[in-house]
Each structure stands twice: as structure tokens, then as C-alpha cells.
Amino acid sequence: MEITVDNIKCGGCAGSITKKLTTVFDTDKINVNIEQGIINIDLDDSKKNELVKVLLDLGYPETDSVHGFDSAKAKAKSFVSCAIGTMNK
């Protein structure tokens, strides 16, 4: 499955995303394209809503899915996820 998300800025973001998705979905077949904001994960399409929720909780909403205050809140969460991912390298 491929999903495009907002707020991916660096390897720290990618690290947090990969770690969380590996844990939640029990797969290590995850690729995060930082420049394009694209996440590829070996996951059944029936799990898309769950994937979208997990990513939003980390601060990486599906592109064009949040606006206004929710967008600002997602950006704030992504900064925290990014910092955690950077420290865990």
C-alpha cells in the first residue's frame, strides 16, 4: 500500500514512522520517501483506515486530510515524533 502524508522532514521523522508502523502492523516491509512524503508498506488495503489513524496520531496526516487547527496540531505532533526519531538513531 502507498500513502502520501504531510510533515515528513528528515530521517528522524522516517525513523519514528518506521518504528511505529513496524510495531503496530508487525511488518518490516516499510519504505519512507522523505522528499515526496510517500510511505510504502506491505499491508492489506482493508487496514488503510487504521494506517491513516496511526500516522495522524504521530503527526503525519494523509495529504489534504486535515486543515486549519487540526493541521497545526499535526505539525506540532510531527515535531515531537521527529525529535524522538532523531534521538533514537
C-alpha atoms as a PDB file:
ATOM      1  CA  MET A   1       0.000   0.000   0.000  1.00  0.00           C
ATOM      2  CA  GLU A   2       1.198   3.506  -0.739  1.00  0.00           C
ATOM      3  CA  ILE A   3       0.104   6.608   1.151  1.00  0.00           C
ATOM      4  CA  THR A   4       1.222  10.229   0.818  1.00  0.00           C
ATOM      5  CA  VAL A   5       1.444  12.219   4.040  1.00  0.00           C
ATOM      6  CA  ASP A   6       2.353  15.699   5.232  1.00  0.00           C
ATOM      7  CA  ASN A   7       5.107  16.851   7.606  1.00  0.00           C
ATOM      8  CA  ILE A   8       7.915  14.372   6.839  1.00  0.00           C
ATOM      9  CA  LYS A   9      11.071  16.462   7.098  1.00  0.00           C
ATOM     10  CA  CYS A  10      14.023  14.206   7.800  1.00  0.00           C
ATOM     11  CA  GLY A  11      15.407  10.830   8.736  1.00  0.00           C
ATOM     12  CA  GLY A  12      14.176  11.307  12.314  1.00  0.00           C
ATOM     13  CA  CYS A  13      10.613  11.511  11.024  1.00  0.00           C
ATOM     14  CA  ALA A  14      11.164   8.435   8.857  1.00  0.00           C
ATOM     15  CA  GLY A  15      12.648   6.579  11.827  1.00  0.00           C
ATOM     16  CA  SER A  16       9.663   7.314  14.068  1.00  0.00           C
ATOM     17  CA  ILE A  17       7.213   6.340  11.340  1.00  0.00           C
ATOM     18  CA  THR A  18       9.050   3.110  10.552  1.00  0.00           C
ATOM     19  CA  LYS A  19       9.362   2.106  14.214  1.00  0.00           C
ATOM     20  CA  LYS A  20       5.681   2.740  14.968  1.00  0.00           C
ATOM     21  CA  LEU A  21       4.378   1.027  11.828  1.00  0.00           C
ATOM     22  CA  THR A  22       6.657  -1.966  12.393  1.00  0.00           C
ATOM     23  CA  THR A  23       5.265  -2.366  15.902  1.00  0.00           C
ATOM     24  CA  VAL A  24       1.577  -1.795  15.099  1.00  0.00           C
ATOM     25  CA  PHE A  25       1.383  -3.810  11.872  1.00  0.00           C
ATOM     26  CA  ASP A  26       4.093  -6.418  12.559  1.00  0.00           C
ATOM     27  CA  THR A  27       5.920  -5.838   9.271  1.00  0.00           C
ATOM     28  CA  ASP A  28       9.384  -4.626   8.418  1.00  0.00           C
ATOM     29  CA  LYS A  29       8.496  -4.038   4.760  1.00  0.00           C
ATOM     30  CA  ILE A  30       8.226  -0.264   5.062  1.00  0.00           C
ATOM     31  CA  ASN A  31       9.837   2.397   2.907  1.00  0.00           C
ATOM     32  CA  VAL A  32       9.589   6.120   3.663  1.00  0.00           C
ATOM     33  CA  ASN A  33      10.416   8.552   0.847  1.00  0.00           C
ATOM     34  CA  ILE A  34      11.269  11.718   2.781  1.00  0.00           C
ATOM     35  CA  GLU A  35      11.411  14.058  -0.210  1.00  0.00           C
ATOM     36  CA  GLN A  36       8.000  13.081  -1.598  1.00  0.00           C
ATOM     37  CA  GLY A  37       6.263  12.243   1.678  1.00  0.00           C
ATOM     38  CA  ILE A  38       5.352   8.788   0.428  1.00  0.00           C
ATOM     39  CA  ILE A  39       5.151   5.725   2.651  1.00  0.00           C
ATOM     40  CA  ASN A  40       5.058   2.251   1.138  1.00  0.00           C
ATOM     41  CA  ILE A  41       4.076  -0.559   3.480  1.00  0.00           C
ATOM     42  CA  ASP A  42       3.312  -4.201   2.890  1.00  0.00           C
ATOM     43  CA  LEU A  43      -0.229  -4.065   4.218  1.00  0.00           C
ATOM     44  CA  ASP A  44      -3.659  -5.213   3.095  1.00  0.00           C
ATOM     45  CA  ASP A  45      -5.898  -2.430   1.741  1.00  0.00           C
ATOM     46  CA  SER A  46      -8.513  -3.264   4.387  1.00  0.00           C
ATOM     47  CA  LYS A  47      -6.142  -1.766   7.003  1.00  0.00           C
ATOM     48  CA  LYS A  48      -5.917   1.672   5.348  1.00  0.00           C
ATOM     49  CA  ASN A  49      -8.158   3.437   7.895  1.00  0.00           C
ATOM     50  CA  GLU A  50      -6.079   2.042  10.749  1.00  0.00           C
ATOM     51  CA  LEU A  51      -2.869   3.125   8.976  1.00  0.00           C
ATOM     52  CA  VAL A  52      -4.226   6.645   8.436  1.00  0.00           C
ATOM     53  CA  LYS A  53      -5.137   6.911  12.148  1.00  0.00           C
ATOM     54  CA  VAL A  54      -1.730   5.699  13.349  1.00  0.00           C
ATOM     55  CA  LEU A  55       0.048   8.169  11.067  1.00  0.00           C
ATOM     56  CA  LEU A  56      -2.223  11.043  12.134  1.00  0.00           C
ATOM     57  CA  ASP A  57      -1.548  10.226  15.803  1.00  0.00           C
ATOM     58  CA  LEU A  58       2.177  10.569  15.031  1.00  0.00           C
ATOM     59  CA  GLY A  59       1.597  13.930  13.293  1.00  0.00           C
ATOM     60  CA  TYR A  60       1.775  12.720   9.693  1.00  0.00           C
ATOM     61  CA  PRO A  61      -1.743  13.085   8.255  1.00  0.00           C
ATOM     62  CA  GLU A  62      -2.652  11.826   4.817  1.00  0.00           C
ATOM     63  CA  THR A  63      -2.152  14.703   2.371  1.00  0.00           C
ATOM     64  CA  ASP A  64      -5.164  17.052   2.192  1.00  0.00           C
ATOM     65  CA  SER A  65      -6.996  15.240   5.013  1.00  0.00           C
ATOM     66  CA  VAL A  66      -6.625  17.876   7.754  1.00  0.00           C
ATOM     67  CA  HIS A  67      -6.936  21.646   7.659  1.00  0.00           C
ATOM     68  CA  GLY A  68      -6.813  24.661   9.970  1.00  0.00           C
ATOM     69  CA  PHE A  69      -6.268  23.907  13.652  1.00  0.00           C
ATOM     70  CA  ASP A  70      -6.038  20.148  13.010  1.00  0.00           C
ATOM     71  CA  SER A  71      -3.221  20.791  10.546  1.00  0.00           C
ATOM     72  CA  ALA A  72      -1.346  22.910  13.089  1.00  0.00           C
ATOM     73  CA  LYS A  73      -1.858  20.225  15.728  1.00  0.00           C
ATOM     74  CA  ALA A  74      -0.494  17.566  13.360  1.00  0.00           C
ATOM     75  CA  LYS A  75       2.595  19.704  12.663  1.00  0.00           C
ATOM     76  CA  ALA A  76       3.246  20.047  16.400  1.00  0.00           C
ATOM     77  CA  LYS A  77       2.947  16.280  16.884  1.00  0.00           C
ATOM     78  CA  SER A  78       5.289  15.660  13.954  1.00  0.00           C
ATOM     79  CA  PHE A  79       7.979  17.831  15.578  1.00  0.00           C
ATOM     80  CA  VAL A  80       7.827  15.628  18.681  1.00  0.00           C
ATOM     81  CA  SER A  81       7.889  12.421  16.599  1.00  0.00           C
ATOM     82  CA  CYS A  82      10.806  13.796  14.592  1.00  0.00           C
ATOM     83  CA  ALA A  83      12.789  14.642  17.732  1.00  0.00           C
ATOM     84  CA  ILE A  84      12.172  11.196  19.194  1.00  0.00           C
ATOM     85  CA  GLY A  85      13.203   9.564  15.936  1.00  0.00           C
ATOM     86  CA  THR A  86      16.363  11.655  15.797  1.00  0.00           C
ATOM     87  CA  MET A  87      17.335  10.776  19.377  1.00  0.00           C
ATOM     88  CA  ASN A  88      16.777   7.059  18.751  1.00  0.00           C
ATOM     89  CA  LYS A  89      19.228   6.904  15.850  1.00  0.00           C
END
